[in-house]
C-alpha atoms as a PDB file:
ATOM      1  CA  MET A   1     -29.008   4.163  -7.166  1.00  0.00           C
ATOM      2  CA  ALA A   2     -26.195   2.526  -9.055  1.00  0.00           C
ATOM      3  CA  ARG A   3     -24.942  -1.159  -7.906  1.00  0.00           C
ATOM      4  CA  ILE A   4     -20.879  -0.693  -7.864  1.00  0.00           C
ATOM      5  CA  VAL A   5     -18.830  -3.958  -7.960  1.00  0.00           C
ATOM      6  CA  HIS A   6     -15.308  -3.668  -6.690  1.00  0.00           C
ATOM      7  CA  ALA A   7     -13.055  -6.377  -7.474  1.00  0.00           C
ATOM      8  CA  ILE A   8     -10.564  -6.951  -5.044  1.00  0.00           C
ATOM      9  CA  ASP A   9      -7.490  -9.557  -5.575  1.00  0.00           C
ATOM     10  CA  TYR A  10      -7.149  -9.377  -2.260  1.00  0.00           C
ATOM     11  CA  ARG A  11      -5.383 -12.431  -0.275  1.00  0.00           C
ATOM     12  CA  SER A  12      -3.805 -11.368   2.733  1.00  0.00           C
ATOM     13  CA  PRO A  13      -5.404 -12.590   6.119  1.00  0.00           C
ATOM     14  CA  VAL A  14      -4.816  -8.972   7.403  1.00  0.00           C
ATOM     15  CA  ALA A  15      -6.837  -5.920   6.583  1.00  0.00           C
ATOM     16  CA  GLY A  16      -3.981  -3.380   6.654  1.00  0.00           C
ATOM     17  CA  SER A  17      -4.849   0.091   5.123  1.00  0.00           C
ATOM     18  CA  PHE A  18      -6.264  -0.884   1.971  1.00  0.00           C
ATOM     19  CA  ILE A  19      -9.449  -2.862   3.540  1.00  0.00           C
ATOM     20  CA  PRO A  20     -10.273   0.222   5.530  1.00  0.00           C
ATOM     21  CA  ALA A  21     -10.250   2.300   2.197  1.00  0.00           C
ATOM     22  CA  VAL A  22     -12.751   0.106   0.754  1.00  0.00           C
ATOM     23  CA  ALA A  23     -14.752   0.289   3.614  1.00  0.00           C
ATOM     24  CA  ALA A  24     -14.329   4.028   3.556  1.00  0.00           C
ATOM     25  CA  LEU A  25     -15.462   4.516  -0.308  1.00  0.00           C
ATOM     26  CA  SER A  26     -18.336   1.819   0.439  1.00  0.00           C
ATOM     27  CA  ARG A  27     -19.508   3.491   3.191  1.00  0.00           C
ATOM     28  CA  ALA A  28     -19.641   7.039   1.594  1.00  0.00           C
ATOM     29  CA  LEU A  29     -21.493   5.207  -1.414  1.00  0.00           C
ATOM     30  CA  ARG A  30     -24.284   3.884   0.428  1.00  0.00           C
ATOM     31  CA  ALA A  31     -24.592   7.360   2.292  1.00  0.00           C
ATOM     32  CA  ARG A  32     -25.414   8.772  -1.587  1.00  0.00           C
ATOM     33  CA  GLY A  33     -28.043   5.820  -2.214  1.00  0.00           C
ATOM     34  CA  HIS A  34     -25.795   3.280  -4.152  1.00  0.00           C
ATOM     35  CA  GLU A  35     -25.223  -0.641  -3.278  1.00  0.00           C
ATOM     36  CA  SER A  36     -21.631  -1.333  -2.801  1.00  0.00           C
ATOM     37  CA  ILE A  37     -20.357  -5.083  -3.724  1.00  0.00           C
ATOM     38  CA  VAL A  38     -17.101  -6.660  -2.977  1.00  0.00           C
ATOM     39  CA  ALA A  39     -16.008  -9.489  -5.258  1.00  0.00           C
ATOM     40  CA  ALA A  40     -12.909 -11.312  -3.699  1.00  0.00           C
ATOM     41  CA  PRO A  41     -10.639 -14.602  -3.925  1.00  0.00           C
ATOM     42  CA  ARG A  42     -12.168 -17.255  -1.851  1.00  0.00           C
ATOM     43  CA  VAL A  43      -9.726 -18.082   0.870  1.00  0.00           C
ATOM     44  CA  ALA A  44      -8.976 -21.235   2.918  1.00  0.00           C
ATOM     45  CA  GLN A  45     -10.151 -19.365   5.891  1.00  0.00           C
ATOM     46  CA  THR A  46     -12.750 -16.654   6.200  1.00  0.00           C
ATOM     47  CA  PRO A  47     -10.419 -13.372   6.963  1.00  0.00           C
ATOM     48  CA  PRO A  48     -11.579 -11.135   9.714  1.00  0.00           C
ATOM     49  CA  TRP A  49     -11.780  -7.944   7.523  1.00  0.00           C
ATOM     50  CA  HIS A  50     -14.864  -9.645   5.461  1.00  0.00           C
ATOM     51  CA  GLU A  51     -16.597  -8.297   9.008  1.00  0.00           C
ATOM     52  CA  ALA A  52     -15.397  -4.505   8.679  1.00  0.00           C
ATOM     53  CA  LEU A  53     -16.526  -4.579   4.872  1.00  0.00           C
ATOM     54  CA  LEU A  54     -19.941  -6.075   5.820  1.00  0.00           C
ATOM     55  CA  GLN A  55     -20.658  -3.547   8.518  1.00  0.00           C
ATOM     56  CA  SER A  56     -19.465  -1.018   5.801  1.00  0.00           C
ATOM     57  CA  GLY A  57     -22.817  -1.973   4.151  1.00  0.00           C
ATOM     58  CA  ALA A  58     -21.047  -3.497   1.087  1.00  0.00           C
ATOM     59  CA  SER A  59     -21.943  -7.124   0.310  1.00  0.00           C
ATOM     60  CA  ILE A  60     -19.053  -9.961  -0.525  1.00  0.00           C
ATOM     61  CA  HIS A  61     -18.959 -12.160  -3.120  1.00  0.00           C
ATOM     62  CA  GLU A  62     -16.653 -14.529  -3.220  1.00  0.00           C
ATOM     63  CA  THR A  63     -14.807 -15.588  -6.706  1.00  0.00           C
ATOM     64  CA  ASP A  64     -13.507 -19.132  -7.285  1.00  0.00           C
ATOM     65  CA  ARG A  65     -12.176 -18.277 -10.580  1.00  0.00           C
ATOM     66  CA  TYR A  66     -12.796 -15.661 -13.321  1.00  0.00           C
ATOM     67  CA  ALA A  67     -16.081 -17.577 -14.902  1.00  0.00           C
ATOM     68  CA  ASP A  68     -17.355 -16.675 -11.080  1.00  0.00           C
ATOM     69  CA  LEU A  69     -16.572 -12.673 -12.083  1.00  0.00           C
ATOM     70  CA  TYR A  70     -18.515 -13.169 -15.331  1.00  0.00           C
ATOM     71  CA  ALA A  71     -21.326 -14.655 -13.915  1.00  0.00           C
ATOM     72  CA  LEU A  72     -21.677 -12.081 -10.979  1.00  0.00           C
ATOM     73  CA  PHE A  73     -21.513  -9.398 -13.774  1.00  0.00           C
ATOM     74  CA  ALA A  74     -24.454 -11.298 -15.652  1.00  0.00           C
ATOM     75  CA  ARG A  75     -26.456 -11.401 -12.733  1.00  0.00           C
ATOM     76  CA  LEU A  76     -25.986  -7.837 -10.548  1.00  0.00           C
ATOM     77  CA  ARG A  77     -25.751  -5.721 -13.918  1.00  0.00           C
ATOM     78  CA  PRO A  78     -23.419  -3.194 -12.226  1.00  0.00           C
ATOM     79  CA  GLN A  79     -23.367  -0.069 -13.529  1.00  0.00           C
ATOM     80  CA  LEU A  80     -20.158   0.329 -12.515  1.00  0.00           C
ATOM     81  CA  VAL A  81     -16.918  -1.785 -11.415  1.00  0.00           C
ATOM     82  CA  HIS A  82     -13.454  -0.643 -10.019  1.00  0.00           C
ATOM     83  CA  VAL A  83     -10.692  -2.965 -10.207  1.00  0.00           C
ATOM     84  CA  HIS A  84      -8.185  -2.655  -7.749  1.00  0.00           C
ATOM     85  CA  PHE A  85      -4.665  -4.619  -8.395  1.00  0.00           C
ATOM     86  CA  SER A  86      -3.597  -6.531 -11.113  1.00  0.00           C
ATOM     87  CA  GLY A  87      -5.213  -9.927 -10.825  1.00  0.00           C
ATOM     88  CA  TYR A  88      -8.770  -9.092 -11.978  1.00  0.00           C
ATOM     89  CA  ALA A  89      -8.214  -6.652 -14.740  1.00  0.00           C
ATOM     90  CA  VAL A  90      -8.203  -8.475 -17.523  1.00  0.00           C
ATOM     91  CA  ALA A  91     -10.833 -10.547 -16.685  1.00  0.00           C
ATOM     92  CA  SER A  92     -12.894  -7.381 -15.944  1.00  0.00           C
ATOM     93  CA  ALA A  93     -12.585  -5.964 -19.061  1.00  0.00           C
ATOM     94  CA  ILE A  94     -14.009  -9.383 -20.936  1.00  0.00           C
ATOM     95  CA  GLY A  95     -16.613  -9.565 -18.288  1.00  0.00           C
ATOM     96  CA  ALA A  96     -17.533  -5.757 -19.048  1.00  0.00           C
ATOM     97  CA  MET A  97     -17.855  -6.387 -22.805  1.00  0.00           C
ATOM     98  CA  LEU A  98     -19.707  -9.803 -22.463  1.00  0.00           C
ATOM     99  CA  HIS A  99     -22.019  -8.084 -19.959  1.00  0.00           C
ATOM    100  CA  GLY A 100     -22.482  -4.401 -20.939  1.00  0.00           C
ATOM    101  CA  VAL A 101     -20.651  -3.128 -18.068  1.00  0.00           C
ATOM    102  CA  SER A 102     -20.179   0.418 -19.229  1.00  0.00           C
ATOM    103  CA  ASN A 103     -18.061   2.133 -16.288  1.00  0.00           C
ATOM    104  CA  LEU A 104     -14.755   0.254 -15.568  1.00  0.00           C
ATOM    105  CA  TYR A 105     -12.146   1.278 -13.970  1.00  0.00           C
ATOM    106  CA  TRP A 106      -8.697  -0.096 -12.995  1.00  0.00           C
ATOM    107  CA  HIS A 107      -6.935   1.007 -10.443  1.00  0.00           C
ATOM    108  CA  VAL A 108      -2.829   0.077 -10.165  1.00  0.00           C
ATOM    109  CA  HIS A 109      -1.066   0.425  -6.869  1.00  0.00           C
ATOM    110  CA  SER A 110       2.446  -0.741  -8.002  1.00  0.00           C
ATOM    111  CA  SER A 111       5.011   0.150 -10.648  1.00  0.00           C
ATOM    112  CA  PRO A 112       4.214  -1.801 -14.018  1.00  0.00           C
ATOM    113  CA  GLY A 113       8.076  -2.853 -13.563  1.00  0.00           C
ATOM    114  CA  GLU A 114       9.086  -1.331 -16.907  1.00  0.00           C
ATOM    115  CA  ALA A 115      12.659  -1.119 -16.914  1.00  0.00           C
ATOM    116  CA  SER A 116      13.424  -4.647 -16.046  1.00  0.00           C
ATOM    117  CA  ILE A 117      10.584  -7.101 -17.315  1.00  0.00           C
ATOM    118  CA  PRO A 118      11.280  -9.783 -20.051  1.00  0.00           C
ATOM    119  CA  LEU A 119       9.811  -9.228 -23.406  1.00  0.00           C
ATOM    120  CA  ARG A 120       7.226 -11.396 -23.169  1.00  0.00           C
ATOM    121  CA  SER A 121       5.883  -9.646 -20.272  1.00  0.00           C
ATOM    122  CA  ARG A 122       6.523  -6.376 -21.692  1.00  0.00           C
ATOM    123  CA  LEU A 123       4.604  -7.427 -25.031  1.00  0.00           C
ATOM    124  CA  LEU A 124       1.633  -8.526 -22.303  1.00  0.00           C
ATOM    125  CA  ARG A 125       1.461  -5.559 -20.794  1.00  0.00           C
ATOM    126  CA  THR A 126       1.433  -3.183 -23.481  1.00  0.00           C
ATOM    127  CA  ALA A 127      -1.516  -5.516 -25.392  1.00  0.00           C
ATOM    128  CA  LYS A 128      -3.145  -5.001 -22.046  1.00  0.00           C
ATOM    129  CA  PHE A 129      -2.488  -1.033 -21.562  1.00  0.00           C
ATOM    130  CA  ALA A 130      -2.619  -0.320 -25.503  1.00  0.00           C
ATOM    131  CA  GLY A 131      -5.377  -2.607 -26.436  1.00  0.00           C
ATOM    132  CA  LEU A 132      -7.631  -3.714 -23.310  1.00  0.00           C
ATOM    133  CA  ALA A 133      -7.203  -0.349 -21.973  1.00  0.00           C
ATOM    134  CA  ARG A 134      -9.060   1.471 -24.250  1.00  0.00           C
ATOM    135  CA  ARG A 135     -12.372  -0.217 -22.968  1.00  0.00           C
ATOM    136  CA  VAL A 136     -11.965   0.986 -19.362  1.00  0.00           C
ATOM    137  CA  SER A 137     -13.500   4.391 -18.370  1.00  0.00           C
ATOM    138  CA  ARG A 138     -10.565   5.276 -16.473  1.00  0.00           C
ATOM    139  CA  ILE A 139      -7.114   4.293 -14.798  1.00  0.00           C
ATOM    140  CA  PHE A 140      -6.441   5.386 -11.543  1.00  0.00           C
ATOM    141  CA  ALA A 141      -2.514   4.973 -10.448  1.00  0.00           C
ATOM    142  CA  VAL A 142      -1.159   5.983  -7.125  1.00  0.00           C
ATOM    143  CA  THR A 143       1.729   8.007  -7.816  1.00  0.00           C
ATOM    144  CA  PRO A 144       2.562  10.325 -11.247  1.00  0.00           C
ATOM    145  CA  GLU A 145       5.733   8.009 -11.920  1.00  0.00           C
ATOM    146  CA  ILE A 146       3.405   5.220 -12.417  1.00  0.00           C
ATOM    147  CA  ALA A 147       0.818   6.889 -14.580  1.00  0.00           C
ATOM    148  CA  MET A 148       3.887   7.719 -16.951  1.00  0.00           C
ATOM    149  CA  GLU A 149       4.964   4.130 -16.975  1.00  0.00           C
ATOM    150  CA  LEU A 150       1.292   3.040 -17.880  1.00  0.00           C
ATOM    151  CA  GLU A 151       1.439   5.573 -20.893  1.00  0.00           C
ATOM    152  CA  ARG A 152       4.942   4.624 -21.970  1.00  0.00           C
ATOM    153  CA  PHE A 153       2.754   0.676 -22.289  1.00  0.00           C
ATOM    154  CA  GLY A 154       0.202   2.513 -24.280  1.00  0.00           C
ATOM    155  CA  ALA A 155      -2.505   3.557 -21.645  1.00  0.00           C
ATOM    156  CA  PRO A 156      -4.414   6.390 -23.172  1.00  0.00           C
ATOM    157  CA  ARG A 157      -3.151   9.368 -21.389  1.00  0.00           C
ATOM    158  CA  ARG A 158      -6.711  11.109 -21.530  1.00  0.00           C
ATOM    159  CA  LYS A 159      -7.657   8.206 -19.450  1.00  0.00           C
ATOM    160  CA  LEU A 160      -4.896   8.554 -16.572  1.00  0.00           C
ATOM    161  CA  ALA A 161      -5.553   9.948 -13.257  1.00  0.00           C
ATOM    162  CA  VAL A 162      -3.273  10.033 -10.245  1.00  0.00           C
ATOM    163  CA  ILE A 163      -4.911   9.641  -7.319  1.00  0.00           C
ATOM    164  CA  GLU A 164      -2.801   8.911  -4.203  1.00  0.00           C
ATOM    165  CA  ASN A 165      -3.226   6.716  -1.343  1.00  0.00           C
ATOM    166  CA  GLY A 166      -4.793   7.964   1.831  1.00  0.00           C
ATOM    167  CA  ILE A 167      -4.977   6.429   5.296  1.00  0.00           C
ATOM    168  CA  ALA A 168      -6.998   6.846   8.655  1.00  0.00           C
ATOM    169  CA  VAL A 169      -5.040   9.985   9.654  1.00  0.00           C
ATOM    170  CA  GLU A 170      -7.366  10.097  12.540  1.00  0.00           C
ATOM    171  CA  ARG A 171      -6.296   6.650  13.721  1.00  0.00           C
ATOM    172  CA  PHE A 172      -2.395   7.041  12.936  1.00  0.00           C
ATOM    173  CA  VAL A 173      -1.308   9.661  15.611  1.00  0.00           C
ATOM    174  CA  VAL A 174       1.977  10.321  17.460  1.00  0.00           C
ATOM    175  CA  PRO A 175       1.992   8.425  20.715  1.00  0.00           C
ATOM    176  CA  SER A 176       1.673   9.591  24.353  1.00  0.00           C
ATOM    177  CA  THR A 177       4.324   8.316  26.685  1.00  0.00           C
ATOM    178  CA  PRO A 178       1.750   5.560  28.098  1.00  0.00           C
ATOM    179  CA  GLU A 179       0.787   4.573  24.677  1.00  0.00           C
ATOM    180  CA  ARG A 180       4.630   4.103  23.357  1.00  0.00           C
ATOM    181  CA  ARG A 181       5.584   2.612  26.618  1.00  0.00           C
ATOM    182  CA  ALA A 182       2.950  -0.368  26.498  1.00  0.00           C
ATOM    183  CA  ALA A 183       3.863  -0.822  22.400  1.00  0.00           C
ATOM    184  CA  ARG A 184       7.089  -1.349  23.495  1.00  0.00           C
ATOM    185  CA  HIS A 185       6.701  -3.296  26.031  1.00  0.00           C
ATOM    186  CA  GLY A 186       4.569  -5.603  24.284  1.00  0.00           C
ATOM    187  CA  PHE A 187       7.387  -6.499  21.615  1.00  0.00           C
ATOM    188  CA  GLY A 188       9.772  -6.933  24.653  1.00  0.00           C
ATOM    189  CA  LEU A 189      11.873  -3.471  23.875  1.00  0.00           C
ATOM    190  CA  ALA A 190      13.799  -1.430  27.224  1.00  0.00           C
ATOM    191  CA  ALA A 191      12.397   1.471  26.990  1.00  0.00           C
ATOM    192  CA  ASP A 192      15.927   3.046  26.173  1.00  0.00           C
ATOM    193  CA  GLU A 193      16.527   0.732  23.437  1.00  0.00           C
ATOM    194  CA  ARG A 194      16.821   2.223  19.681  1.00  0.00           C
ATOM    195  CA  VAL A 195      14.686   0.901  17.334  1.00  0.00           C
ATOM    196  CA  ALA A 196      14.319   0.620  13.376  1.00  0.00           C
ATOM    197  CA  LEU A 197      11.062  -0.872  11.627  1.00  0.00           C
ATOM    198  CA  PHE A 198      11.628  -2.260   8.897  1.00  0.00           C
ATOM    199  CA  PHE A 199       8.550  -3.919   6.762  1.00  0.00           C
ATOM    200  CA  GLY A 200      10.087  -7.262   4.880  1.00  0.00           C
ATOM    201  CA  ARG A 201       7.517  -9.310   2.627  1.00  0.00           C
ATOM    202  CA  ASP A 202      10.126  -9.208  -0.428  1.00  0.00           C
ATOM    203  CA  ALA A 203      13.770  -9.471   0.738  1.00  0.00           C
ATOM    204  CA  ALA A 204      15.052  -7.671  -3.009  1.00  0.00           C
ATOM    205  CA  ILE A 205      12.262  -5.300  -3.178  1.00  0.00           C
ATOM    206  CA  LYS A 206      12.405  -4.150   0.190  1.00  0.00           C
ATOM    207  CA  GLY A 207      16.251  -3.861   0.282  1.00  0.00           C
ATOM    208  CA  THR A 208      16.923  -6.649   2.840  1.00  0.00           C
ATOM    209  CA  ALA A 209      20.502  -6.815   1.347  1.00  0.00           C
ATOM    210  CA  VAL A 210      21.319  -3.148   1.789  1.00  0.00           C
ATOM    211  CA  LEU A 211      19.574  -3.217   5.009  1.00  0.00           C
ATOM    212  CA  ARG A 212      22.261  -5.885   5.781  1.00  0.00           C
ATOM    213  CA  ALA A 213      25.174  -4.202   4.905  1.00  0.00           C
ATOM    214  CA  ALA A 214      24.449  -0.728   6.655  1.00  0.00           C
ATOM    215  CA  LEU A 215      24.175  -2.411   9.487  1.00  0.00           C
ATOM    216  CA  ALA A 216      27.481  -4.150   9.206  1.00  0.00           C
ATOM    217  CA  GLY A 217      28.669  -0.696   8.708  1.00  0.00           C
ATOM    218  CA  ALA A 218      27.343   0.779  11.371  1.00  0.00           C
ATOM    219  CA  THR A 219      28.811   1.485  14.554  1.00  0.00           C
ATOM    220  CA  ARG A 220      26.005   1.589  16.544  1.00  0.00           C
ATOM    221  CA  PRO A 221      23.452  -0.580  14.972  1.00  0.00           C
ATOM    222  CA  PRO A 222      19.748  -0.192  16.184  1.00  0.00           C
ATOM    223  CA  THR A 223      17.373  -3.266  16.987  1.00  0.00           C
ATOM    224  CA  VAL A 224      15.592  -4.031  14.245  1.00  0.00           C
ATOM    225  CA  LEU A 225      11.702  -4.411  14.657  1.00  0.00           C
ATOM    226  CA  PHE A 226      11.204  -6.797  11.726  1.00  0.00           C
ATOM    227  CA  VAL A 227       7.829  -7.170  10.062  1.00  0.00           C
ATOM    228  CA  GLY A 228       7.545  -9.612   7.285  1.00  0.00           C
ATOM    229  CA  PRO A 229       8.023 -13.598   6.272  1.00  0.00           C
ATOM    230  CA  ALA A 230      10.919 -14.578   8.590  1.00  0.00           C
ATOM    231  CA  GLY A 231      13.353 -15.832   5.657  1.00  0.00           C
ATOM    232  CA  ASP A 232      13.567 -12.287   4.655  1.00  0.00           C
ATOM    233  CA  ALA A 233      15.102 -11.177   7.833  1.00  0.00           C
ATOM    234  CA  GLU A 234      17.951 -13.878   7.161  1.00  0.00           C
ATOM    235  CA  GLY A 235      21.697 -12.578   7.942  1.00  0.00           C
ATOM    236  CA  LEU A 236      20.976  -9.413   9.482  1.00  0.00           C
ATOM    237  CA  GLU A 237      21.162 -10.897  12.876  1.00  0.00           C
ATOM    238  CA  PRO A 238      24.959 -11.050  12.924  1.00  0.00           C
ATOM    239  CA  PHE A 239      24.799  -7.262  12.983  1.00  0.00           C
ATOM    240  CA  THR A 240      22.349  -6.726  15.412  1.00  0.00           C
ATOM    241  CA  ARG A 241      19.491  -7.505  17.767  1.00  0.00           C
ATOM    242  CA  VAL A 242      16.226  -8.284  15.232  1.00  0.00           C
ATOM    243  CA  VAL A 243      12.829  -8.713  16.970  1.00  0.00           C
ATOM    244  CA  ARG A 244      10.606 -10.043  14.627  1.00  0.00           C
ATOM    245  CA  CYS A 245       6.740  -9.653  14.131  1.00  0.00           C
ATOM    246  CA  GLU A 246       4.898 -11.464  11.656  1.00  0.00           C
ATOM    247  CA  GLY A 247       1.184 -11.494  10.676  1.00  0.00           C
ATOM    248  CA  LEU A 248       0.425  -8.485  12.762  1.00  0.00           C
ATOM    249  CA  ASP A 249      -3.483  -7.790  12.377  1.00  0.00           C
ATOM    250  CA  ASP A 250      -2.547  -4.444  13.426  1.00  0.00           C
ATOM    251  CA  VAL A 251       0.586  -2.075  12.830  1.00  0.00           C
ATOM    252  CA  ARG A 252       0.081   0.645  15.135  1.00  0.00           C
ATOM    253  CA  PRO A 253       1.776  -0.834  18.235  1.00  0.00           C
ATOM    254  CA  ALA A 254       4.807  -1.525  15.756  1.00  0.00           C
ATOM    255  CA  LEU A 255       4.850   2.330  14.645  1.00  0.00           C
ATOM    256  CA  TRP A 256       4.389   3.402  18.045  1.00  0.00           C
ATOM    257  CA  ALA A 257       6.964   1.154  19.248  1.00  0.00           C
ATOM    258  CA  GLY A 258       9.568   2.188  16.550  1.00  0.00           C
ATOM    259  CA  ASP A 259      12.119   4.843  16.512  1.00  0.00           C
ATOM    260  CA  SER A 260      12.724   4.802  12.831  1.00  0.00           C
ATOM    261  CA  ILE A 261      11.061   3.657   9.669  1.00  0.00           C
ATOM    262  CA  VAL A 262      13.539   2.149   7.296  1.00  0.00           C
ATOM    263  CA  MET A 263      12.799   1.499   3.665  1.00  0.00           C
ATOM    264  CA  PRO A 264      15.965   0.728   1.366  1.00  0.00           C
ATOM    265  CA  SER A 265      13.265  -0.321  -1.276  1.00  0.00           C
ATOM    266  CA  SER A 266      14.204  -0.596  -5.013  1.00  0.00           C
ATOM    267  CA  THR A 267      10.866  -0.173  -6.002  1.00  0.00           C
ATOM    268  CA  GLU A 268       7.719   1.310  -4.539  1.00  0.00           C
ATOM    269  CA  GLY A 269       4.236   2.552  -5.334  1.00  0.00           C
ATOM    270  CA  LEU A 270       3.047   4.858  -2.215  1.00  0.00           C
ATOM    271  CA  PRO A 271       3.968   2.339   0.776  1.00  0.00           C
ATOM    272  CA  LEU A 272       0.796   2.662   2.895  1.00  0.00           C
ATOM    273  CA  THR A 273       3.102   2.064   5.608  1.00  0.00           C
ATOM    274  CA  LEU A 274       5.341   4.745   5.037  1.00  0.00           C
ATOM    275  CA  LEU A 275       2.184   7.311   5.490  1.00  0.00           C
ATOM    276  CA  GLU A 276       1.071   5.507   8.655  1.00  0.00           C
ATOM    277  CA  ALA A 277       4.553   5.592   9.999  1.00  0.00           C
ATOM    278  CA  ARG A 278       5.001   9.009   9.434  1.00  0.00           C
ATOM    279  CA  ALA A 279       0.963   9.849  10.756  1.00  0.00           C
ATOM    280  CA  CYS A 280       2.313   8.433  14.098  1.00  0.00           C
ATOM    281  CA  GLY A 281       5.246  10.811  13.958  1.00  0.00           C
ATOM    282  CA  LEU A 282       8.003   7.972  12.908  1.00  0.00           C
ATOM    283  CA  PRO A 283      11.141   9.404  11.287  1.00  0.00           C
ATOM    284  CA  ALA A 284      11.113   7.798   7.740  1.00  0.00           C
ATOM    285  CA  LEU A 285      15.163   6.498   6.070  1.00  0.00           C
ATOM    286  CA  VAL A 286      13.746   5.830   2.391  1.00  0.00           C
ATOM    287  CA  SER A 287      15.606   5.229  -0.779  1.00  0.00           C
ATOM    288  CA  GLU A 288      16.121   7.850  -3.473  1.00  0.00           C
ATOM    289  CA  ILE A 289      14.052   6.383  -6.098  1.00  0.00           C
ATOM    290  CA  PRO A 290      10.668   8.008  -7.065  1.00  0.00           C
ATOM    291  CA  PRO A 291       8.143   8.479  -5.407  1.00  0.00           C
ATOM    292  CA  LEU A 292       9.989   7.777  -2.183  1.00  0.00           C
ATOM    293  CA  ALA A 293      12.416  11.091  -2.938  1.00  0.00           C
ATOM    294  CA  ARG A 294       9.342  12.758  -3.835  1.00  0.00           C
ATOM    295  CA  TYR A 295       7.595  11.998  -0.980  1.00  0.00           C
ATOM    296  CA  ALA A 296      10.415  13.119   1.251  1.00  0.00           C
ATOM    297  CA  GLY A 297      10.750  16.387  -0.334  1.00  0.00           C
ATOM    298  CA  ARG A 298       7.328  16.901   1.146  1.00  0.00           C
ATOM    299  CA  ASP A 299       7.899  15.931   4.358  1.00  0.00           C
ATOM    300  CA  ARG A 300      10.463  17.243   6.982  1.00  0.00           C
ATOM    301  CA  GLY A 301      10.619  13.872   9.101  1.00  0.00           C
ATOM    302  CA  ALA A 302      11.486  11.938   5.790  1.00  0.00           C
ATOM    303  CA  THR A 303      15.403  11.255   4.531  1.00  0.00           C
ATOM    304  CA  ALA A 304      15.955  10.203   0.973  1.00  0.00           C
ATOM    305  CA  ILE A 305      19.198   8.436   0.501  1.00  0.00           C
ATOM    306  CA  GLU A 306      20.543   6.829  -2.644  1.00  0.00           C
ATOM    307  CA  ARG A 307      20.704   2.693  -2.332  1.00  0.00           C
ATOM    308  CA  GLY A 308      23.931   2.894  -3.231  1.00  0.00           C
ATOM    309  CA  ASP A 309      25.249   4.963  -0.993  1.00  0.00           C
ATOM    310  CA  ILE A 310      25.773   1.865   2.029  1.00  0.00           C
ATOM    311  CA  ALA A 311      28.105   4.339   4.023  1.00  0.00           C
ATOM    312  CA  ARG A 312      25.529   7.359   4.660  1.00  0.00           C
ATOM    313  CA  TRP A 313      22.920   4.004   5.260  1.00  0.00           C
ATOM    314  CA  ALA A 314      25.204   2.882   8.319  1.00  0.00           C
ATOM    315  CA  ARG A 315      25.481   6.616   9.586  1.00  0.00           C
ATOM    316  CA  SER A 316      21.885   7.446   9.233  1.00  0.00           C
ATOM    317  CA  LEU A 317      21.165   4.205  11.519  1.00  0.00           C
ATOM    318  CA  ASP A 318      23.511   5.328  14.090  1.00  0.00           C
ATOM    319  CA  ALA A 319      21.881   8.712  14.421  1.00  0.00           C
ATOM    320  CA  ILE A 320      18.822   6.997  15.454  1.00  0.00           C
ATOM    321  CA  ASP A 321      17.811   8.316  18.418  1.00  0.00           C
ATOM    322  CA  SER A 322      15.257   6.940  20.917  1.00  0.00           C
ATOM    323  CA  GLY A 323      11.768   8.497  21.447  1.00  0.00           C
ATOM    324  CA  ALA A 324      12.887  10.706  18.311  1.00  0.00           C
ATOM    325  CA  ARG A 325       9.406  12.091  16.504  1.00  0.00           C
ATOM    326  CA  VAL A 326       8.597  14.350  13.932  1.00  0.00           C
ATOM    327  CA  PRO A 327       5.133  15.365  13.953  1.00  0.00           C
ATOM    328  CA  LEU A 328       3.575  15.712   9.859  1.00  0.00           C
ATOM    329  CA  SER A 329       2.092  19.202   9.032  1.00  0.00           C
ATOM    330  CA  GLN A 330      -1.866  19.488   9.611  1.00  0.00           C
ATOM    331  CA  GLU A 331      -1.667  20.351   5.147  1.00  0.00           C
ATOM    332  CA  LEU A 332       0.169  17.246   4.835  1.00  0.00           C
ATOM    333  CA  ARG A 333      -2.070  15.096   6.781  1.00  0.00           C
ATOM    334  CA  ALA A 334      -5.029  16.242   5.030  1.00  0.00           C
ATOM    335  CA  ALA A 335      -3.196  15.390   2.001  1.00  0.00           C
ATOM    336  CA  ILE A 336      -2.737  11.719   2.657  1.00  0.00           C
ATOM    337  CA  SER A 337      -6.391  11.337   4.592  1.00  0.00           C
ATOM    338  CA  LEU A 338      -8.501   8.626   3.827  1.00  0.00           C
ATOM    339  CA  ASP A 339     -11.394  11.850   3.243  1.00  0.00           C
ATOM    340  CA  ARG A 340      -9.081  13.054   0.630  1.00  0.00           C
ATOM    341  CA  TRP A 341      -8.887   9.612  -0.721  1.00  0.00           C
ATOM    342  CA  VAL A 342     -12.646   8.813  -0.888  1.00  0.00           C
ATOM    343  CA  ASP A 343     -13.437  12.431  -2.444  1.00  0.00           C
ATOM    344  CA  GLU A 344     -11.166  12.032  -5.402  1.00  0.00           C
ATOM    345  CA  VAL A 345     -12.192   8.319  -6.280  1.00  0.00           C
ATOM    346  CA  LEU A 346     -15.818   9.593  -6.330  1.00  0.00           C
ATOM    347  CA  LYS A 347     -15.372  12.561  -8.492  1.00  0.00           C
ATOM    348  CA  SER A 348     -13.733  10.686 -10.537  1.00  0.00           C
ATOM    349  CA  TYR A 349     -16.796   8.182 -10.855  1.00  0.00           C
ATOM    350  CA  ASP A 350     -19.351   8.503 -13.686  1.00  0.00           C
ATOM    351  CA  LEU A 351     -22.252   8.474 -11.822  1.00  0.00           C
END
């Protein structure tokens, strides 16, 4: 039996699709006789997703500081540590060297920002990926584009592996008519109202300014169902009706209520919200940036648009149809499934 620590720098109060992925991985490890432990930052109030991880068979250890992570390694002597996101990456490498962890995996979920970061940050990331990464067994990247960026920062090619994100496709499905009607009623949307679903969080990254300009140029702008911080919706209201829903524990009702998901992002990894939306049959308008454009090339329900082509964004918003759904092919559903993701991660582990 191996003891596996998942070090997750995850501070959100909602589970999203990341926590279900860790839970699915924990269940698969437990089924193979391994012990699964989650190390996560302590937050002010215990988040509800702790229960989902406990039900998966994982134990949870809260860490207030890096010293707590080192102490955990010293006490448990894990055979494998899997680090998600960047917060614990450096500390995990130091802890692994101090306490004899032989198998260390870094999981990079977003672009390291190769083109735009200051020189100091670039040097630090080069030291991380060209130096400390040599202590790492494998670096998982969620897209080929991110893997190439990491290699340019010095990450050894032989240690890079691409494992694209997966979601619970059995849960994210095309809604029935009653399900769609109930979802729209929950957000106060009329039955025939045309609705564009937009996930904010960081206005510059998610493209709030592009959406604002496109709405201003649209002939018949749709209602925007906005998920994210209230401030990121500023400036949209003069051009459309905005329905805000913050801190959703479950995004599926929003996906069922919408008529299209709009993602004019400036940078992305492989967004779980895009995969969830498309699994629900929601048409997608996405930026023509890697990897969104590459994804759109595989999926007839996703359209890639240049960020600077505001006129085309406006025309695409005008063309949104109420009730439109474009189901995913069975092949693509299998490709974005959580089962496939878990299988690829387990095959990459040295157990």
